[in-house]
C-alpha atoms as a PDB file:
ATOM      1  CA  UNK A   1       0.000   0.000   0.000  1.00  0.00           C
ATOM      2  CA  UNK A   2       1.387   3.390  -1.010  1.00  0.00           C
ATOM      3  CA  UNK A   3       1.485   5.992   1.746  1.00  0.00           C
ATOM      4  CA  UNK A   4       2.400   9.642   1.559  1.00  0.00           C
ATOM      5  CA  UNK A   5       3.083  10.870   5.073  1.00  0.00           C
ATOM      6  CA  UNK A   6       2.544  14.599   4.543  1.00  0.00           C
ATOM      7  CA  UNK A   7      -0.992  15.703   3.709  1.00  0.00           C
ATOM      8  CA  UNK A   8      -1.285  19.190   2.218  1.00  0.00           C
ATOM      9  CA  UNK A   9      -4.286  21.292   3.245  1.00  0.00           C
ATOM     10  CA  UNK A  10      -5.295  24.874   2.530  1.00  0.00           C
ATOM     11  CA  UNK A  11      -6.538  26.227   5.863  1.00  0.00           C
ATOM     12  CA  UNK A  12      -8.498  29.129   4.319  1.00  0.00           C
ATOM     13  CA  UNK A  13     -10.392  26.851   1.938  1.00  0.00           C
ATOM     14  CA  UNK A  14     -10.945  24.236   4.640  1.00  0.00           C
ATOM     15  CA  UNK A  15     -12.537  26.831   6.934  1.00  0.00           C
ATOM     16  CA  UNK A  16     -14.677  28.179   4.084  1.00  0.00           C
ATOM     17  CA  UNK A  17     -15.826  24.669   3.078  1.00  0.00           C
ATOM     18  CA  UNK A  18     -16.852  23.798   6.654  1.00  0.00           C
ATOM     19  CA  UNK A  19     -18.412  27.108   7.747  1.00  0.00           C
ATOM     20  CA  UNK A  20     -21.813  25.437   8.164  1.00  0.00           C
ATOM     21  CA  UNK A  21     -20.529  22.521  10.284  1.00  0.00           C
ATOM     22  CA  UNK A  22     -20.540  22.118  14.051  1.00  0.00           C
ATOM     23  CA  UNK A  23     -17.243  21.554  15.845  1.00  0.00           C
ATOM     24  CA  UNK A  24     -18.098  17.858  16.172  1.00  0.00           C
ATOM     25  CA  UNK A  25     -18.856  17.558  12.437  1.00  0.00           C
ATOM     26  CA  UNK A  26     -15.568  19.302  11.588  1.00  0.00           C
ATOM     27  CA  UNK A  27     -13.762  16.770  13.796  1.00  0.00           C
ATOM     28  CA  UNK A  28     -15.440  13.892  11.972  1.00  0.00           C
ATOM     29  CA  UNK A  29     -14.575  15.358   8.565  1.00  0.00           C
ATOM     30  CA  UNK A  30     -10.919  15.966   9.447  1.00  0.00           C
ATOM     31  CA  UNK A  31     -10.444  12.500  10.979  1.00  0.00           C
ATOM     32  CA  UNK A  32     -11.848  10.906   7.818  1.00  0.00           C
ATOM     33  CA  UNK A  33      -9.575  12.994   5.576  1.00  0.00           C
ATOM     34  CA  UNK A  34      -6.510  11.985   7.617  1.00  0.00           C
ATOM     35  CA  UNK A  35      -7.445   8.297   7.569  1.00  0.00           C
ATOM     36  CA  UNK A  36      -8.141   8.368   3.826  1.00  0.00           C
ATOM     37  CA  UNK A  37      -4.805  10.069   3.077  1.00  0.00           C
ATOM     38  CA  UNK A  38      -2.940   7.173   4.742  1.00  0.00           C
ATOM     39  CA  UNK A  39      -4.988   4.661   2.750  1.00  0.00           C
ATOM     40  CA  UNK A  40      -4.503   5.885  -0.823  1.00  0.00           C
ATOM     41  CA  UNK A  41      -7.238   8.548  -0.432  1.00  0.00           C
ATOM     42  CA  UNK A  42      -9.982   6.006   0.313  1.00  0.00           C
ATOM     43  CA  UNK A  43     -12.251   5.223   3.246  1.00  0.00           C
ATOM     44  CA  UNK A  44     -13.697   1.726   3.723  1.00  0.00           C
ATOM     45  CA  UNK A  45     -17.289   1.046   2.708  1.00  0.00           C
ATOM     46  CA  UNK A  46     -17.983  -0.558   6.076  1.00  0.00           C
ATOM     47  CA  UNK A  47     -19.909   2.031   8.128  1.00  0.00           C
ATOM     48  CA  UNK A  48     -19.099   0.230  11.382  1.00  0.00           C
ATOM     49  CA  UNK A  49     -15.391   0.611  10.578  1.00  0.00           C
ATOM     50  CA  UNK A  50     -15.885   4.292   9.747  1.00  0.00           C
ATOM     51  CA  UNK A  51     -17.638   4.763  13.096  1.00  0.00           C
ATOM     52  CA  UNK A  52     -14.532   3.408  14.853  1.00  0.00           C
ATOM     53  CA  UNK A  53     -12.328   5.808  12.874  1.00  0.00           C
ATOM     54  CA  UNK A  54     -14.352   8.780  14.198  1.00  0.00           C
ATOM     55  CA  UNK A  55     -14.611   7.467  17.754  1.00  0.00           C
ATOM     56  CA  UNK A  56     -18.225   6.247  17.463  1.00  0.00           C
ATOM     57  CA  UNK A  57     -19.697   9.623  16.550  1.00  0.00           C
ATOM     58  CA  UNK A  58     -23.423   9.918  15.825  1.00  0.00           C
ATOM     59  CA  UNK A  59     -24.307   7.939  12.694  1.00  0.00           C
ATOM     60  CA  UNK A  60     -26.516  10.800  11.491  1.00  0.00           C
ATOM     61  CA  UNK A  61     -23.502  13.168  11.568  1.00  0.00           C
ATOM     62  CA  UNK A  62     -21.281  10.604   9.833  1.00  0.00           C
ATOM     63  CA  UNK A  63     -23.812  10.087   7.033  1.00  0.00           C
ATOM     64  CA  UNK A  64     -24.148  13.844   6.521  1.00  0.00           C
ATOM     65  CA  UNK A  65     -20.363  14.267   6.158  1.00  0.00           C
ATOM     66  CA  UNK A  66     -20.103  11.327   3.756  1.00  0.00           C
ATOM     67  CA  UNK A  67     -22.999  12.566   1.599  1.00  0.00           C
ATOM     68  CA  UNK A  68     -21.734  16.159   1.523  1.00  0.00           C
ATOM     69  CA  UNK A  69     -17.976  15.787   1.100  1.00  0.00           C
ATOM     70  CA  UNK A  70     -17.332  12.283  -0.241  1.00  0.00           C
ATOM     71  CA  UNK A  71     -18.231  10.154  -3.250  1.00  0.00           C
ATOM     72  CA  UNK A  72     -18.426   6.364  -3.473  1.00  0.00           C
ATOM     73  CA  UNK A  73     -17.085   3.838  -5.999  1.00  0.00           C
ATOM     74  CA  UNK A  74     -16.149   0.141  -5.918  1.00  0.00           C
ATOM     75  CA  UNK A  75     -13.115   0.891  -3.711  1.00  0.00           C
ATOM     76  CA  UNK A  76     -14.941   2.871  -1.025  1.00  0.00           C
ATOM     77  CA  UNK A  77     -15.567   6.520  -0.146  1.00  0.00           C
ATOM     78  CA  UNK A  78     -13.266   9.294  -1.380  1.00  0.00           C
ATOM     79  CA  UNK A  79     -12.976  13.090  -1.489  1.00  0.00           C
ATOM     80  CA  UNK A  80     -12.556  14.129  -5.135  1.00  0.00           C
ATOM     81  CA  UNK A  81     -10.151  17.002  -4.355  1.00  0.00           C
ATOM     82  CA  UNK A  82      -8.054  14.873  -2.000  1.00  0.00           C
ATOM     83  CA  UNK A  83      -7.919  11.939  -4.445  1.00  0.00           C
ATOM     84  CA  UNK A  84      -6.732  14.212  -7.263  1.00  0.00           C
ATOM     85  CA  UNK A  85      -3.981  15.617  -5.040  1.00  0.00           C
ATOM     86  CA  UNK A  86      -2.938  12.164  -3.818  1.00  0.00           C
ATOM     87  CA  UNK A  87      -2.685  10.856  -7.391  1.00  0.00           C
ATOM     88  CA  UNK A  88      -0.661  13.904  -8.373  1.00  0.00           C
ATOM     89  CA  UNK A  89       1.798  13.285  -5.517  1.00  0.00           C
ATOM     90  CA  UNK A  90       2.110   9.598  -6.421  1.00  0.00           C
ATOM     91  CA  UNK A  91       2.770  10.470 -10.051  1.00  0.00           C
ATOM     92  CA  UNK A  92       5.502  12.938  -9.129  1.00  0.00           C
ATOM     93  CA  UNK A  93       7.126  10.591  -6.602  1.00  0.00           C
ATOM     94  CA  UNK A  94       7.396   7.879  -9.248  1.00  0.00           C
ATOM     95  CA  UNK A  95       9.429   9.857 -11.764  1.00  0.00           C
ATOM     96  CA  UNK A  96      12.545   8.276 -13.220  1.00  0.00           C
ATOM     97  CA  UNK A  97      15.657   8.159 -10.985  1.00  0.00           C
ATOM     98  CA  UNK A  98      17.691  10.330 -13.322  1.00  0.00           C
ATOM     99  CA  UNK A  99      15.356  13.266 -12.600  1.00  0.00           C
ATOM    100  CA  UNK A 100      15.599  12.846  -8.810  1.00  0.00           C
ATOM    101  CA  UNK A 101      18.712  14.977  -8.292  1.00  0.00           C
ATOM    102  CA  UNK A 102      17.262  17.903 -10.184  1.00  0.00           C
ATOM    103  CA  UNK A 103      13.927  17.634  -8.394  1.00  0.00           C
ATOM    104  CA  UNK A 104      15.386  17.609  -4.903  1.00  0.00           C
ATOM    105  CA  UNK A 105      17.890  20.363  -5.658  1.00  0.00           C
ATOM    106  CA  UNK A 106      14.998  22.653  -6.410  1.00  0.00           C
ATOM    107  CA  UNK A 107      12.627  21.569  -3.654  1.00  0.00           C
ATOM    108  CA  UNK A 108      10.529  24.743  -3.821  1.00  0.00           C
ATOM    109  CA  UNK A 109       9.374  24.049  -7.372  1.00  0.00           C
ATOM    110  CA  UNK A 110       7.299  20.915  -6.671  1.00  0.00           C
ATOM    111  CA  UNK A 111       6.053  22.346  -3.394  1.00  0.00           C
ATOM    112  CA  UNK A 112       4.770  25.449  -5.154  1.00  0.00           C
ATOM    113  CA  UNK A 113       3.201  23.287  -7.868  1.00  0.00           C
ATOM    114  CA  UNK A 114       1.545  21.126  -5.259  1.00  0.00           C
ATOM    115  CA  UNK A 115       0.110  24.144  -3.502  1.00  0.00           C
ATOM    116  CA  UNK A 116      -1.213  25.452  -6.819  1.00  0.00           C
ATOM    117  CA  UNK A 117      -2.888  22.121  -7.602  1.00  0.00           C
ATOM    118  CA  UNK A 118      -4.292  21.918  -4.075  1.00  0.00           C
ATOM    119  CA  UNK A 119      -5.586  25.484  -4.214  1.00  0.00           C
ATOM    120  CA  UNK A 120      -7.260  24.768  -7.544  1.00  0.00           C
ATOM    121  CA  UNK A 121      -8.955  21.639  -6.202  1.00  0.00           C
ATOM    122  CA  UNK A 122     -10.213  23.368  -3.068  1.00  0.00           C
ATOM    123  CA  UNK A 123     -11.207  26.474  -5.022  1.00  0.00           C
ATOM    124  CA  UNK A 124     -13.223  24.365  -7.467  1.00  0.00           C
ATOM    125  CA  UNK A 125     -14.961  22.630  -4.549  1.00  0.00           C
ATOM    126  CA  UNK A 126     -15.688  25.942  -2.792  1.00  0.00           C
ATOM    127  CA  UNK A 127     -17.142  27.510  -5.968  1.00  0.00           C
ATOM    128  CA  UNK A 128     -19.454  24.515  -6.355  1.00  0.00           C
ATOM    129  CA  UNK A 129     -20.747  25.020  -2.801  1.00  0.00           C
ATOM    130  CA  UNK A 130     -21.479  28.693  -3.558  1.00  0.00           C
ATOM    131  CA  UNK A 131     -23.147  27.906  -6.894  1.00  0.00           C
ATOM    132  CA  UNK A 132     -25.326  25.185  -5.342  1.00  0.00           C
ATOM    133  CA  UNK A 133     -26.371  27.499  -2.503  1.00  0.00           C
ATOM    134  CA  UNK A 134     -27.307  30.263  -4.952  1.00  0.00           C
ATOM    135  CA  UNK A 135     -29.235  27.835  -7.198  1.00  0.00           C
ATOM    136  CA  UNK A 136     -31.357  26.890  -4.196  1.00  0.00           C
ATOM    137  CA  UNK A 137     -31.958  30.539  -3.269  1.00  0.00           C
ATOM    138  CA  UNK A 138     -32.818  31.567  -6.843  1.00  0.00           C
ATOM    139  CA  UNK A 139     -35.278  28.666  -7.234  1.00  0.00           C
ATOM    140  CA  UNK A 140     -37.220  29.808  -4.147  1.00  0.00           C
ATOM    141  CA  UNK A 141     -37.619  33.496  -5.085  1.00  0.00           C
ATOM    142  CA  UNK A 142     -41.236  34.341  -5.890  1.00  0.00           C
ATOM    143  CA  UNK A 143     -40.169  37.115  -8.265  1.00  0.00           C
ATOM    144  CA  UNK A 144     -36.910  36.838 -10.169  1.00  0.00           C
ATOM    145  CA  UNK A 145     -35.780  40.367 -11.020  1.00  0.00           C
ATOM    146  CA  UNK A 146     -32.549  40.933 -12.922  1.00  0.00           C
ATOM    147  CA  UNK A 147     -30.257  38.314 -14.403  1.00  0.00           C
ATOM    148  CA  UNK A 148     -29.251  35.141 -12.639  1.00  0.00           C
ATOM    149  CA  UNK A 149     -25.554  35.697 -13.412  1.00  0.00           C
ATOM    150  CA  UNK A 150     -25.536  39.162 -11.803  1.00  0.00           C
ATOM    151  CA  UNK A 151     -27.353  37.750  -8.799  1.00  0.00           C
ATOM    152  CA  UNK A 152     -24.703  35.041  -8.392  1.00  0.00           C
ATOM    153  CA  UNK A 153     -21.915  37.622  -8.685  1.00  0.00           C
ATOM    154  CA  UNK A 154     -23.467  39.678  -5.863  1.00  0.00           C
ATOM    155  CA  UNK A 155     -24.161  36.601  -3.734  1.00  0.00           C
ATOM    156  CA  UNK A 156     -20.516  35.491  -3.840  1.00  0.00           C
ATOM    157  CA  UNK A 157     -19.599  38.629  -1.866  1.00  0.00           C
ATOM    158  CA  UNK A 158     -21.828  37.673   1.079  1.00  0.00           C
ATOM    159  CA  UNK A 159     -21.780  33.872   1.002  1.00  0.00           C
ATOM    160  CA  UNK A 160     -21.228  32.555   4.507  1.00  0.00           C
ATOM    161  CA  UNK A 161     -22.126  35.899   6.094  1.00  0.00           C
ATOM    162  CA  UNK A 162     -25.936  35.783   5.748  1.00  0.00           C
ATOM    163  CA  UNK A 163     -28.203  32.769   6.101  1.00  0.00           C
ATOM    164  CA  UNK A 164     -29.756  31.792   2.715  1.00  0.00           C
ATOM    165  CA  UNK A 165     -33.201  31.347   4.287  1.00  0.00           C
ATOM    166  CA  UNK A 166     -33.096  34.945   5.541  1.00  0.00           C
ATOM    167  CA  UNK A 167     -32.358  36.221   2.022  1.00  0.00           C
ATOM    168  CA  UNK A 168     -35.216  34.189   0.562  1.00  0.00           C
ATOM    169  CA  UNK A 169     -37.660  35.280   3.259  1.00  0.00           C
ATOM    170  CA  UNK A 170     -36.759  38.985   3.103  1.00  0.00           C
ATOM    171  CA  UNK A 171     -36.722  39.280  -0.720  1.00  0.00           C
ATOM    172  CA  UNK A 172     -40.038  37.436  -1.031  1.00  0.00           C
ATOM    173  CA  UNK A 173     -41.503  39.692   1.669  1.00  0.00           C
ATOM    174  CA  UNK A 174     -40.303  42.746  -0.261  1.00  0.00           C
ATOM    175  CA  UNK A 175     -41.902  41.349  -3.405  1.00  0.00           C
ATOM    176  CA  UNK A 176     -45.195  40.724  -1.588  1.00  0.00           C
ATOM    177  CA  UNK A 177     -45.226  44.302  -0.270  1.00  0.00           C
ATOM    178  CA  UNK A 178     -45.279  45.772  -3.801  1.00  0.00           C
ATOM    179  CA  UNK A 179     -48.329  45.771  -6.044  1.00  0.00           C
ATOM    180  CA  UNK A 180     -46.234  46.437  -9.142  1.00  0.00           C
ATOM    181  CA  UNK A 181     -43.259  44.092  -9.365  1.00  0.00           C
ATOM    182  CA  UNK A 182     -41.452  46.470 -11.734  1.00  0.00           C
ATOM    183  CA  UNK A 183     -40.588  48.552  -8.674  1.00  0.00           C
ATOM    184  CA  UNK A 184     -38.868  45.585  -7.025  1.00  0.00           C
ATOM    185  CA  UNK A 185     -35.079  46.011  -7.084  1.00  0.00           C
ATOM    186  CA  UNK A 186     -33.085  43.507  -9.108  1.00  0.00           C
ATOM    187  CA  UNK A 187     -31.896  40.715  -6.819  1.00  0.00           C
ATOM    188  CA  UNK A 188     -28.249  41.651  -7.426  1.00  0.00           C
ATOM    189  CA  UNK A 189     -28.844  45.311  -6.468  1.00  0.00           C
ATOM    190  CA  UNK A 190     -30.882  44.225  -3.460  1.00  0.00           C
ATOM    191  CA  UNK A 191     -27.984  42.053  -2.252  1.00  0.00           C
ATOM    192  CA  UNK A 192     -25.373  44.767  -2.861  1.00  0.00           C
ATOM    193  CA  UNK A 193     -27.408  47.287  -0.859  1.00  0.00           C
ATOM    194  CA  UNK A 194     -27.966  44.826   2.025  1.00  0.00           C
ATOM    195  CA  UNK A 195     -31.691  44.843   1.362  1.00  0.00           C
ATOM    196  CA  UNK A 196     -32.289  42.104   3.933  1.00  0.00           C
ATOM    197  CA  UNK A 197     -31.642  44.661   6.697  1.00  0.00           C
ATOM    198  CA  UNK A 198     -34.530  46.890   5.575  1.00  0.00           C
ATOM    199  CA  UNK A 199     -37.582  47.067   7.838  1.00  0.00           C
ATOM    200  CA  UNK A 200     -40.646  46.690   5.618  1.00  0.00           C
ATOM    201  CA  UNK A 201     -44.077  48.231   5.984  1.00  0.00           C
ATOM    202  CA  UNK A 202     -46.463  45.754   7.576  1.00  0.00           C
ATOM    203  CA  UNK A 203     -50.134  45.076   6.927  1.00  0.00           C
ATOM    204  CA  UNK A 204     -52.499  45.054   9.860  1.00  0.00           C
ATOM    205  CA  UNK A 205     -56.060  43.790   9.584  1.00  0.00           C
ATOM    206  CA  UNK A 206     -58.623  45.980  11.317  1.00  0.00           C
ATOM    207  CA  UNK A 207     -62.163  44.660  10.945  1.00  0.00           C
ATOM    208  CA  UNK A 208     -62.812  44.390   7.224  1.00  0.00           C
ATOM    209  CA  UNK A 209     -60.257  46.990   6.188  1.00  0.00           C
ATOM    210  CA  UNK A 210     -56.489  46.808   5.868  1.00  0.00           C
ATOM    211  CA  UNK A 211     -54.290  49.618   7.104  1.00  0.00           C
ATOM    212  CA  UNK A 212     -50.614  50.125   6.391  1.00  0.00           C
ATOM    213  CA  UNK A 213     -48.736  50.831   9.594  1.00  0.00           C
ATOM    214  CA  UNK A 214     -45.201  52.161   9.249  1.00  0.00           C
ATOM    215  CA  UNK A 215     -42.555  51.113  11.728  1.00  0.00           C
ATOM    216  CA  UNK A 216     -39.937  53.416  13.181  1.00  0.00           C
ATOM    217  CA  UNK A 217     -39.222  56.164  10.616  1.00  0.00           C
ATOM    218  CA  UNK A 218     -35.525  55.793  11.372  1.00  0.00           C
ATOM    219  CA  UNK A 219     -35.576  52.013  10.913  1.00  0.00           C
ATOM    220  CA  UNK A 220     -32.937  52.193   8.154  1.00  0.00           C
ATOM    221  CA  UNK A 221     -30.473  54.399  10.056  1.00  0.00           C
ATOM    222  CA  UNK A 222     -27.745  51.751   9.850  1.00  0.00           C
ATOM    223  CA  UNK A 223     -28.111  51.706   6.064  1.00  0.00           C
ATOM    224  CA  UNK A 224     -27.965  55.531   5.879  1.00  0.00           C
ATOM    225  CA  UNK A 225     -24.780  55.484   7.947  1.00  0.00           C
ATOM    226  CA  UNK A 226     -23.256  53.303   5.202  1.00  0.00           C
ATOM    227  CA  UNK A 227     -24.468  55.653   2.478  1.00  0.00           C
ATOM    228  CA  UNK A 228     -27.364  53.429   1.364  1.00  0.00           C
ATOM    229  CA  UNK A 229     -30.857  54.831   0.803  1.00  0.00           C
ATOM    230  CA  UNK A 230     -33.945  52.775  -0.067  1.00  0.00           C
ATOM    231  CA  UNK A 231     -36.978  53.889  -2.034  1.00  0.00           C
ATOM    232  CA  UNK A 232     -39.132  53.997   1.134  1.00  0.00           C
ATOM    233  CA  UNK A 233     -36.869  56.461   2.968  1.00  0.00           C
ATOM    234  CA  UNK A 234     -37.836  60.092   3.468  1.00  0.00           C
ATOM    235  CA  UNK A 235     -35.146  62.727   2.751  1.00  0.00           C
ATOM    236  CA  UNK A 236     -36.214  64.814   5.744  1.00  0.00           C
ATOM    237  CA  UNK A 237     -35.689  61.884   8.115  1.00  0.00           C
ATOM    238  CA  UNK A 238     -32.179  61.377   6.767  1.00  0.00           C
ATOM    239  CA  UNK A 239     -31.367  65.112   7.003  1.00  0.00           C
ATOM    240  CA  UNK A 240     -32.592  65.156  10.597  1.00  0.00           C
ATOM    241  CA  UNK A 241     -30.239  62.355  11.578  1.00  0.00           C
ATOM    242  CA  UNK A 242     -27.386  64.130   9.781  1.00  0.00           C
ATOM    243  CA  UNK A 243     -28.048  67.314  11.743  1.00  0.00           C
ATOM    244  CA  UNK A 244     -28.079  65.261  14.941  1.00  0.00           C
ATOM    245  CA  UNK A 245     -24.592  64.015  14.066  1.00  0.00           C
ATOM    246  CA  UNK A 246     -25.560  60.381  13.504  1.00  0.00           C
ATOM    247  CA  UNK A 247     -24.666  60.317   9.781  1.00  0.00           C
ATOM    248  CA  UNK A 248     -21.348  61.431   8.327  1.00  0.00           C
ATOM    249  CA  UNK A 249     -20.934  63.869   5.467  1.00  0.00           C
ATOM    250  CA  UNK A 250     -19.328  61.110   3.371  1.00  0.00           C
ATOM    251  CA  UNK A 251     -22.364  58.898   3.818  1.00  0.00           C
ATOM    252  CA  UNK A 252     -24.695  61.756   2.829  1.00  0.00           C
ATOM    253  CA  UNK A 253     -22.708  62.355  -0.344  1.00  0.00           C
ATOM    254  CA  UNK A 254     -23.000  58.677  -1.249  1.00  0.00           C
ATOM    255  CA  UNK A 255     -26.784  59.125  -1.044  1.00  0.00           C
ATOM    256  CA  UNK A 256     -26.523  62.167  -3.383  1.00  0.00           C
ATOM    257  CA  UNK A 257     -27.198  64.822  -0.734  1.00  0.00           C
ATOM    258  CA  UNK A 258     -25.425  68.123  -1.266  1.00  0.00           C
ATOM    259  CA  UNK A 259     -23.993  69.144   2.113  1.00  0.00           C
END
């Protein structure tokens, strides 16, 4: 059995890939990666054996990690990115003897190459996670304003910072609050302006009539302080907060106020 004793890992990509995991799930994932690396990048198919590898963790957690980060073939479970890196290392270590002296005299060259290959593998995996998350969000929007590609571009900037369900809920609520959908901001613009932080008008049923009750007129103060103004904001409210020293001149200029 071929074993490579040093396993390369990109810490930034690893953290990004596991941002949605609990500490226990991260421990399971890392133990499985380490075991697989020592066994030609494969885990056994035997679940009872896998449970022993991860110190008898909850089977539900083990199954989630396997389904999310590993694939299965006739040899067992494997991580695609790790398998590609392992095969690359094996290929390089098996080069002809006459090339050995040159390779070891310039040790930085293969190390740099390995890091590049590893970064590519992890980057590809991370992009797939982002794309899959956005596909799910886009499919659940009641009104799809703007292009999907622009929406994805904007979402990449906030992935991992805002819960997808919150984005879906807030954008759909904004859509429901407008009679004419043409006034709904494109999803990409809504993301860039942190639209999920906006406090919407709410409907309140009173007998047989519906009244629109507005929340705090300064509900979007945090947005104003960043230089972001929404279509429901009143200029006089913003000017009042500026005069009270709660909004900077720079932020006012971003909102096209002449100060």
